[in-house]
PDB file of N, CA and C in Angstrom:
ATOM      1  N   MET A   1      51.957 142.379  -7.534  1.00  0.00           N
ATOM      2  CA  MET A   1      51.963 141.815  -6.214  1.00  0.00           C
ATOM      3  C   MET A   1      52.691 140.476  -6.163  1.00  0.00           C
ATOM      4  N   LEU A   2      52.505 139.666  -7.164  1.00  0.00           N
ATOM      5  CA  LEU A   2      53.125 138.345  -7.170  1.00  0.00           C
ATOM      6  C   LEU A   2      54.543 138.367  -7.719  1.00  0.00           C
ATOM      7  N   VAL A   3      54.976 139.503  -8.222  1.00  0.00           N
ATOM      8  CA  VAL A   3      56.289 139.601  -8.855  1.00  0.00           C
ATOM      9  C   VAL A   3      57.412 139.366  -7.857  1.00  0.00           C
ATOM     10  N   THR A   4      57.163 139.608  -6.602  1.00  0.00           N
ATOM     11  CA  THR A   4      58.202 139.456  -5.584  1.00  0.00           C
ATOM     12  C   THR A   4      58.553 138.004  -5.320  1.00  0.00           C
ATOM     13  N   GLY A   5      57.866 137.079  -5.963  1.00  0.00           N
ATOM     14  CA  GLY A   5      58.151 135.663  -5.779  1.00  0.00           C
ATOM     15  C   GLY A   5      57.390 135.044  -4.630  1.00  0.00           C
ATOM     16  N   THR A   6      56.439 135.769  -4.111  1.00  0.00           N
ATOM     17  CA  THR A   6      55.663 135.274  -2.984  1.00  0.00           C
ATOM     18  C   THR A   6      54.410 134.550  -3.455  1.00  0.00           C
ATOM     19  N   THR A   7      53.800 133.869  -2.524  1.00  0.00           N
ATOM     20  CA  THR A   7      52.490 133.275  -2.734  1.00  0.00           C
ATOM     21  C   THR A   7      51.510 134.119  -1.940  1.00  0.00           C
ATOM     22  N   MET A   8      50.427 134.529  -2.574  1.00  0.00           N
ATOM     23  CA  MET A   8      49.439 135.368  -1.895  1.00  0.00           C
ATOM     24  C   MET A   8      48.079 134.703  -1.917  1.00  0.00           C
ATOM     25  N   GLU A   9      47.336 134.954  -0.861  1.00  0.00           N
ATOM     26  CA  GLU A   9      45.985 134.429  -0.795  1.00  0.00           C
ATOM     27  C   GLU A   9      45.087 135.252  -1.716  1.00  0.00           C
ATOM     28  N   LEU A  10      44.220 134.568  -2.426  1.00  0.00           N
ATOM     29  CA  LEU A  10      43.322 135.217  -3.378  1.00  0.00           C
ATOM     30  C   LEU A  10      42.514 136.326  -2.714  1.00  0.00           C
ATOM     31  N   SER A  11      42.035 136.101  -1.510  1.00  0.00           N
ATOM     32  CA  SER A  11      41.222 137.117  -0.832  1.00  0.00           C
ATOM     33  C   SER A  11      42.028 138.380  -0.541  1.00  0.00           C
ATOM     34  N   ALA A  12      43.322 138.250  -0.253  1.00  0.00           N
ATOM     35  CA  ALA A  12      44.167 139.420  -0.012  1.00  0.00           C
ATOM     36  C   ALA A  12      44.346 140.220  -1.299  1.00  0.00           C
ATOM     37  N   ILE A  13      44.506 139.535  -2.407  1.00  0.00           N
ATOM     38  CA  ILE A  13      44.620 140.212  -3.700  1.00  0.00           C
ATOM     39  C   ILE A  13      43.313 140.921  -4.028  1.00  0.00           C
ATOM     40  N   LYS A  14      42.202 140.252  -3.788  1.00  0.00           N
ATOM     41  CA  LYS A  14      40.881 140.841  -4.034  1.00  0.00           C
ATOM     42  C   LYS A  14      40.722 142.126  -3.235  1.00  0.00           C
ATOM     43  N   ASP A  15      41.098 142.092  -1.973  1.00  0.00           N
ATOM     44  CA  ASP A  15      40.966 143.270  -1.118  1.00  0.00           C
ATOM     45  C   ASP A  15      41.873 144.404  -1.576  1.00  0.00           C
ATOM     46  N   GLN A  16      43.113 144.092  -1.950  1.00  0.00           N
ATOM     47  CA  GLN A  16      44.044 145.139  -2.379  1.00  0.00           C
ATOM     48  C   GLN A  16      43.621 145.774  -3.697  1.00  0.00           C
ATOM     49  N   LEU A  17      43.053 144.976  -4.592  1.00  0.00           N
ATOM     50  CA  LEU A  17      42.646 145.500  -5.897  1.00  0.00           C
ATOM     51  C   LEU A  17      41.226 146.036  -5.899  1.00  0.00           C
ATOM     52  N   ASP A  18      40.499 145.776  -4.818  1.00  0.00           N
ATOM     53  CA  ASP A  18      39.108 146.212  -4.684  1.00  0.00           C
ATOM     54  C   ASP A  18      38.255 145.709  -5.850  1.00  0.00           C
ATOM     55  N   LEU A  19      38.387 144.419  -6.132  1.00  0.00           N
ATOM     56  CA  LEU A  19      37.619 143.779  -7.197  1.00  0.00           C
ATOM     57  C   LEU A  19      36.560 142.869  -6.604  1.00  0.00           C
ATOM     58  N   SER A  20      35.503 142.664  -7.356  1.00  0.00           N
ATOM     59  CA  SER A  20      34.492 141.699  -6.935  1.00  0.00           C
ATOM     60  C   SER A  20      35.071 140.296  -7.089  1.00  0.00           C
ATOM     61  N   PRO A  21      34.574 139.345  -6.307  1.00  0.00           N
ATOM     62  CA  PRO A  21      35.070 137.973  -6.447  1.00  0.00           C
ATOM     63  C   PRO A  21      34.919 137.425  -7.868  1.00  0.00           C
ATOM     64  N   SER A  22      33.810 137.739  -8.528  1.00  0.00           N
ATOM     65  CA  SER A  22      33.607 137.205  -9.884  1.00  0.00           C
ATOM     66  C   SER A  22      34.570 137.830 -10.886  1.00  0.00           C
ATOM     67  N   ALA A  23      34.822 139.124 -10.761  1.00  0.00           N
ATOM     68  CA  ALA A  23      35.756 139.792 -11.680  1.00  0.00           C
ATOM     69  C   ALA A  23      37.168 139.241 -11.504  1.00  0.00           C
ATOM     70  N   LEU A  24      37.588 139.073 -10.254  1.00  0.00           N
ATOM     71  CA  LEU A  24      38.924 138.544 -10.001  1.00  0.00           C
ATOM     72  C   LEU A  24      39.029 137.094 -10.446  1.00  0.00           C
ATOM     73  N   SER A  25      37.984 136.330 -10.221  1.00  0.00           N
ATOM     74  CA  SER A  25      37.980 134.919 -10.612  1.00  0.00           C
ATOM     75  C   SER A  25      38.194 134.766 -12.112  1.00  0.00           C
ATOM     76  N   LYS A  26      37.553 135.606 -12.905  1.00  0.00           N
ATOM     77  CA  LYS A  26      37.713 135.551 -14.361  1.00  0.00           C
ATOM     78  C   LYS A  26      39.145 135.892 -14.770  1.00  0.00           C
ATOM     79  N   GLN A  27      39.710 136.914 -14.137  1.00  0.00           N
ATOM     80  CA  GLN A  27      41.070 137.319 -14.469  1.00  0.00           C
ATOM     81  C   GLN A  27      42.079 136.241 -14.074  1.00  0.00           C
ATOM     82  N   VAL A  28      41.892 135.670 -12.892  1.00  0.00           N
ATOM     83  CA  VAL A  28      42.795 134.619 -12.425  1.00  0.00           C
ATOM     84  C   VAL A  28      42.700 133.397 -13.331  1.00  0.00           C
ATOM     85  N   ALA A  29      41.487 133.031 -13.722  1.00  0.00           N
ATOM     86  CA  ALA A  29      41.308 131.874 -14.610  1.00  0.00           C
ATOM     87  C   ALA A  29      42.061 132.080 -15.920  1.00  0.00           C
ATOM     88  N   ALA A  30      42.005 133.294 -16.467  1.00  0.00           N
ATOM     89  CA  ALA A  30      42.716 133.583 -17.716  1.00  0.00           C
ATOM     90  C   ALA A  30      44.227 133.474 -17.519  1.00  0.00           C
ATOM     91  N   LEU A  31      44.732 133.960 -16.385  1.00  0.00           N
ATOM     92  CA  LEU A  31      46.167 133.886 -16.107  1.00  0.00           C
ATOM     93  C   LEU A  31      46.623 132.449 -15.867  1.00  0.00           C
ATOM     94  N   VAL A  32      45.793 131.668 -15.192  1.00  0.00           N
ATOM     95  CA  VAL A  32      46.110 130.252 -14.968  1.00  0.00           C
ATOM     96  C   VAL A  32      46.108 129.507 -16.299  1.00  0.00           C
ATOM     97  N   ASP A  33      45.087 129.748 -17.127  1.00  0.00           N
ATOM     98  CA  ASP A  33      45.001 129.094 -18.439  1.00  0.00           C
ATOM     99  C   ASP A  33      46.196 129.439 -19.328  1.00  0.00           C
ATOM    100  N   ALA A  34      46.698 130.668 -19.194  1.00  0.00           N
ATOM    101  CA  ALA A  34      47.851 131.098 -19.990  1.00  0.00           C
ATOM    102  C   ALA A  34      49.166 130.550 -19.436  1.00  0.00           C
ATOM    103  N   GLY A  35      49.117 129.969 -18.242  1.00  0.00           N
ATOM    104  CA  GLY A  35      50.327 129.429 -17.634  1.00  0.00           C
ATOM    105  C   GLY A  35      51.140 130.453 -16.868  1.00  0.00           C
ATOM    106  N   TYR A  36      50.563 131.624 -16.607  1.00  0.00           N
ATOM    107  CA  TYR A  36      51.281 132.694 -15.922  1.00  0.00           C
ATOM    108  C   TYR A  36      51.184 132.608 -14.403  1.00  0.00           C
ATOM    109  N   VAL A  37      50.110 132.007 -13.911  1.00  0.00           N
ATOM    110  CA  VAL A  37      49.856 131.948 -12.474  1.00  0.00           C
ATOM    111  C   VAL A  37      49.527 130.520 -12.077  1.00  0.00           C
ATOM    112  N   LYS A  38      50.023 130.130 -10.912  1.00  0.00           N
ATOM    113  CA  LYS A  38      49.711 128.819 -10.338  1.00  0.00           C
ATOM    114  C   LYS A  38      48.710 129.035  -9.209  1.00  0.00           C
ATOM    115  N   GLN A  39      47.663 128.240  -9.200  1.00  0.00           N
ATOM    116  CA  GLN A  39      46.609 128.348  -8.194  1.00  0.00           C
ATOM    117  C   GLN A  39      46.620 127.081  -7.345  1.00  0.00           C
ATOM    118  N   GLU A  40      46.657 127.259  -6.019  1.00  0.00           N
ATOM    119  CA  GLU A  40      46.721 126.106  -5.118  1.00  0.00           C
ATOM    120  C   GLU A  40      45.785 126.298  -3.930  1.00  0.00           C
ATOM    121  N   ARG A  41      45.382 125.192  -3.373  1.00  0.00           N
ATOM    122  CA  ARG A  41      44.654 125.186  -2.104  1.00  0.00           C
ATOM    123  C   ARG A  41      45.593 124.531  -1.099  1.00  0.00           C
ATOM    124  N   LEU A  42      46.051 125.320  -0.143  1.00  0.00           N
ATOM    125  CA  LEU A  42      47.050 124.845   0.812  1.00  0.00           C
ATOM    126  C   LEU A  42      46.437 124.675   2.197  1.00  0.00           C
ATOM    127  N   GLY A  43      46.948 123.747   2.930  1.00  0.00           N
ATOM    128  CA  GLY A  43      46.539 123.575   4.311  1.00  0.00           C
ATOM    129  C   GLY A  43      45.222 122.853   4.475  1.00  0.00           C
ATOM    130  N   VAL A  44      44.695 122.933   5.678  1.00  0.00           N
ATOM    131  CA  VAL A  44      43.473 122.221   6.052  1.00  0.00           C
ATOM    132  C   VAL A  44      42.237 122.850   5.423  1.00  0.00           C
ATOM    133  N   ASP A  45      42.213 124.179   5.339  1.00  0.00           N
ATOM    134  CA  ASP A  45      41.043 124.887   4.815  1.00  0.00           C
ATOM    135  C   ASP A  45      41.129 124.952   3.292  1.00  0.00           C
ATOM    136  N   SER A  46      40.459 124.033   2.628  1.00  0.00           N
ATOM    137  CA  SER A  46      40.556 123.952   1.164  1.00  0.00           C
ATOM    138  C   SER A  46      39.781 125.060   0.459  1.00  0.00           C
ATOM    139  N   ARG A  47      39.080 125.891   1.218  1.00  0.00           N
ATOM    140  CA  ARG A  47      38.373 127.020   0.595  1.00  0.00           C
ATOM    141  C   ARG A  47      39.325 128.163   0.284  1.00  0.00           C
ATOM    142  N   ARG A  48      40.456 128.198   0.955  1.00  0.00           N
ATOM    143  CA  ARG A  48      41.418 129.279   0.754  1.00  0.00           C
ATOM    144  C   ARG A  48      42.276 128.970  -0.468  1.00  0.00           C
ATOM    145  N   VAL A  49      42.332 129.931  -1.375  1.00  0.00           N
ATOM    146  CA  VAL A  49      43.078 129.771  -2.627  1.00  0.00           C
ATOM    147  C   VAL A  49      44.306 130.671  -2.586  1.00  0.00           C
ATOM    148  N   TRP A  50      45.435 130.104  -2.973  1.00  0.00           N
ATOM    149  CA  TRP A  50      46.700 130.830  -2.992  1.00  0.00           C
ATOM    150  C   TRP A  50      47.211 130.908  -4.428  1.00  0.00           C
ATOM    151  N   LEU A  51      47.807 132.045  -4.772  1.00  0.00           N
ATOM    152  CA  LEU A  51      48.322 132.265  -6.117  1.00  0.00           C
ATOM    153  C   LEU A  51      49.811 132.569  -6.074  1.00  0.00           C
ATOM    154  N   SER A  52      50.514 132.102  -7.079  1.00  0.00           N
ATOM    155  CA  SER A  52      51.922 132.449  -7.248  1.00  0.00           C
ATOM    156  C   SER A  52      52.213 132.566  -8.740  1.00  0.00           C
ATOM    157  N   LEU A  53      53.203 133.366  -9.056  1.00  0.00           N
ATOM    158  CA  LEU A  53      53.603 133.586 -10.438  1.00  0.00           C
ATOM    159  C   LEU A  53      54.482 132.427 -10.898  1.00  0.00           C
ATOM    160  N   THR A  54      54.233 131.912 -12.086  1.00  0.00           N
ATOM    161  CA  THR A  54      55.065 130.852 -12.653  1.00  0.00           C
ATOM    162  C   THR A  54      56.286 131.477 -13.330  1.00  0.00           C
ATOM    163  N   ARG A  55      57.227 130.646 -13.726  1.00  0.00           N
ATOM    164  CA  ARG A  55      58.386 131.161 -14.481  1.00  0.00           C
ATOM    165  C   ARG A  55      57.927 131.822 -15.774  1.00  0.00           C
ATOM    166  N   GLN A  56      56.977 131.200 -16.430  1.00  0.00           N
ATOM    167  CA  GLN A  56      56.433 131.771 -17.668  1.00  0.00           C
ATOM    168  C   GLN A  56      55.763 133.116 -17.376  1.00  0.00           C
ATOM    169  N   GLY A  57      55.071 133.204 -16.250  1.00  0.00           N
ATOM    170  CA  GLY A  57      54.428 134.452 -15.854  1.00  0.00           C
ATOM    171  C   GLY A  57      55.436 135.544 -15.573  1.00  0.00           C
ATOM    172  N   MET A  58      56.527 135.195 -14.907  1.00  0.00           N
ATOM    173  CA  MET A  58      57.578 136.170 -14.622  1.00  0.00           C
ATOM    174  C   MET A  58      58.221 136.646 -15.918  1.00  0.00           C
ATOM    175  N   LYS A  59      58.447 135.731 -16.840  1.00  0.00           N
ATOM    176  CA  LYS A  59      59.032 136.095 -18.136  1.00  0.00           C
ATOM    177  C   LYS A  59      58.099 137.043 -18.891  1.00  0.00           C
ATOM    178  N   ALA A  60      56.813 136.751 -18.890  1.00  0.00           N
ATOM    179  CA  ALA A  60      55.835 137.605 -19.566  1.00  0.00           C
ATOM    180  C   ALA A  60      55.769 138.981 -18.907  1.00  0.00           C
ATOM    181  N   TYR A  61      55.817 139.007 -17.583  1.00  0.00           N
ATOM    182  CA  TYR A  61      55.792 140.276 -16.852  1.00  0.00           C
ATOM    183  C   TYR A  61      57.004 141.131 -17.219  1.00  0.00           C
ATOM    184  N   ARG A  62      58.177 140.525 -17.179  1.00  0.00           N
ATOM    185  CA  ARG A  62      59.399 141.274 -17.500  1.00  0.00           C
ATOM    186  C   ARG A  62      59.382 141.781 -18.938  1.00  0.00           C
ATOM    187  N   SER A  63      58.878 140.980 -19.847  1.00  0.00           N
ATOM    188  CA  SER A  63      58.775 141.385 -21.247  1.00  0.00           C
ATOM    189  C   SER A  63      57.817 142.563 -21.396  1.00  0.00           C
ATOM    190  N   HIS A  64      56.722 142.508 -20.678  1.00  0.00           N
ATOM    191  CA  HIS A  64      55.728 143.586 -20.730  1.00  0.00           C
ATOM    192  C   HIS A  64      56.310 144.888 -20.177  1.00  0.00           C
ATOM    193  N   VAL A  65      57.000 144.807 -19.053  1.00  0.00           N
ATOM    194  CA  VAL A  65      57.619 145.992 -18.457  1.00  0.00           C
ATOM    195  C   VAL A  65      58.667 146.575 -19.402  1.00  0.00           C
ATOM    196  N   ALA A  66      59.453 145.727 -20.038  1.00  0.00           N
ATOM    197  CA  ALA A  66      60.467 146.202 -20.987  1.00  0.00           C
ATOM    198  C   ALA A  66      59.815 146.926 -22.161  1.00  0.00           C
ATOM    199  N   ALA A  67      58.707 146.388 -22.654  1.00  0.00           N
ATOM    200  CA  ALA A  67      58.001 147.031 -23.766  1.00  0.00           C
ATOM    201  C   ALA A  67      57.442 148.385 -23.342  1.00  0.00           C
ATOM    202  N   LEU A  68      56.903 148.469 -22.130  1.00  0.00           N
ATOM    203  CA  LEU A  68      56.389 149.750 -21.635  1.00  0.00           C
ATOM    204  C   LEU A  68      57.511 150.768 -21.473  1.00  0.00           C
ATOM    205  N   ARG A  69      58.653 150.322 -20.987  1.00  0.00           N
ATOM    206  CA  ARG A  69      59.794 151.237 -20.842  1.00  0.00           C
ATOM    207  C   ARG A  69      60.254 151.758 -22.197  1.00  0.00           C
ATOM    208  N   GLU A  70      60.226 150.902 -23.195  1.00  0.00           N
ATOM    209  CA  GLU A  70      60.617 151.320 -24.539  1.00  0.00           C
ATOM    210  C   GLU A  70      59.643 152.363 -25.085  1.00  0.00           C
ATOM    211  N   ILE A  71      58.366 152.153 -24.851  1.00  0.00           N
ATOM    212  CA  ILE A  71      57.353 153.115 -25.301  1.00  0.00           C
ATOM    213  C   ILE A  71      57.575 154.462 -24.629  1.00  0.00           C
ATOM    214  N   VAL A  72      57.791 154.445 -23.326  1.00  0.00           N
ATOM    215  CA  VAL A  72      57.986 155.686 -22.581  1.00  0.00           C
ATOM    216  C   VAL A  72      59.287 156.366 -22.996  1.00  0.00           C
ATOM    217  N   ALA A  73      60.316 155.595 -23.247  1.00  0.00           N
ATOM    218  CA  ALA A  73      61.604 156.173 -23.652  1.00  0.00           C
ATOM    219  C   ALA A  73      61.490 156.891 -24.987  1.00  0.00           C
ATOM    220  N   ASP A  74      60.624 156.414 -25.858  1.00  0.00           N
ATOM    221  CA  ASP A  74      60.444 157.022 -27.174  1.00  0.00           C
ATOM    222  C   ASP A  74      59.483 158.209 -27.157  1.00  0.00           C
ATOM    223  N   ALA A  75      58.805 158.418 -26.049  1.00  0.00           N
ATOM    224  CA  ALA A  75      57.822 159.503 -25.969  1.00  0.00           C
ATOM    225  C   ALA A  75      58.540 160.846 -25.850  1.00  0.00           C
ATOM    226  N   PRO A  76      57.973 161.884 -26.459  1.00  0.00           N
ATOM    227  CA  PRO A  76      58.581 163.206 -26.337  1.00  0.00           C
ATOM    228  C   PRO A  76      58.470 163.717 -24.899  1.00  0.00           C
ATOM    229  N   ASP A  77      59.425 164.527 -24.497  1.00  0.00           N
ATOM    230  CA  ASP A  77      59.427 165.110 -23.159  1.00  0.00           C
ATOM    231  C   ASP A  77      58.333 166.172 -23.096  1.00  0.00           C
ATOM    232  N   PRO A  78      57.363 166.046 -22.190  1.00  0.00           N
ATOM    233  CA  PRO A  78      56.263 167.014 -22.135  1.00  0.00           C
ATOM    234  C   PRO A  78      56.706 168.398 -21.673  1.00  0.00           C
ATOM    235  N   ASP A  79      57.886 168.510 -21.071  1.00  0.00           N
ATOM    236  CA  ASP A  79      58.372 169.801 -20.589  1.00  0.00           C
ATOM    237  C   ASP A  79      59.091 170.595 -21.670  1.00  0.00           C
ATOM    238  N   GLN A  80      59.233 170.012 -22.850  1.00  0.00           N
ATOM    239  CA  GLN A  80      59.958 170.729 -23.912  1.00  0.00           C
ATOM    240  C   GLN A  80      59.025 171.228 -24.965  1.00  0.00           C
TER     241      GLN A  80
END
């Protein structure tokens, strides 16, 4: 979701992933601690949390996708 370079509200991510607030909070904290995600409170309502992918996060994402593509490319064709 954040790969597009956008900033998303935490509650919107929670709703799309159908996760409990505590489960998402733990995952977000791990991503923030790793430097992959930036967490901000924007505007007047400081209760609203916004997330965006950092450069390091984008690099990690691209590396992960490349590794998955390599795994799939090496897999035998199930139709043969």
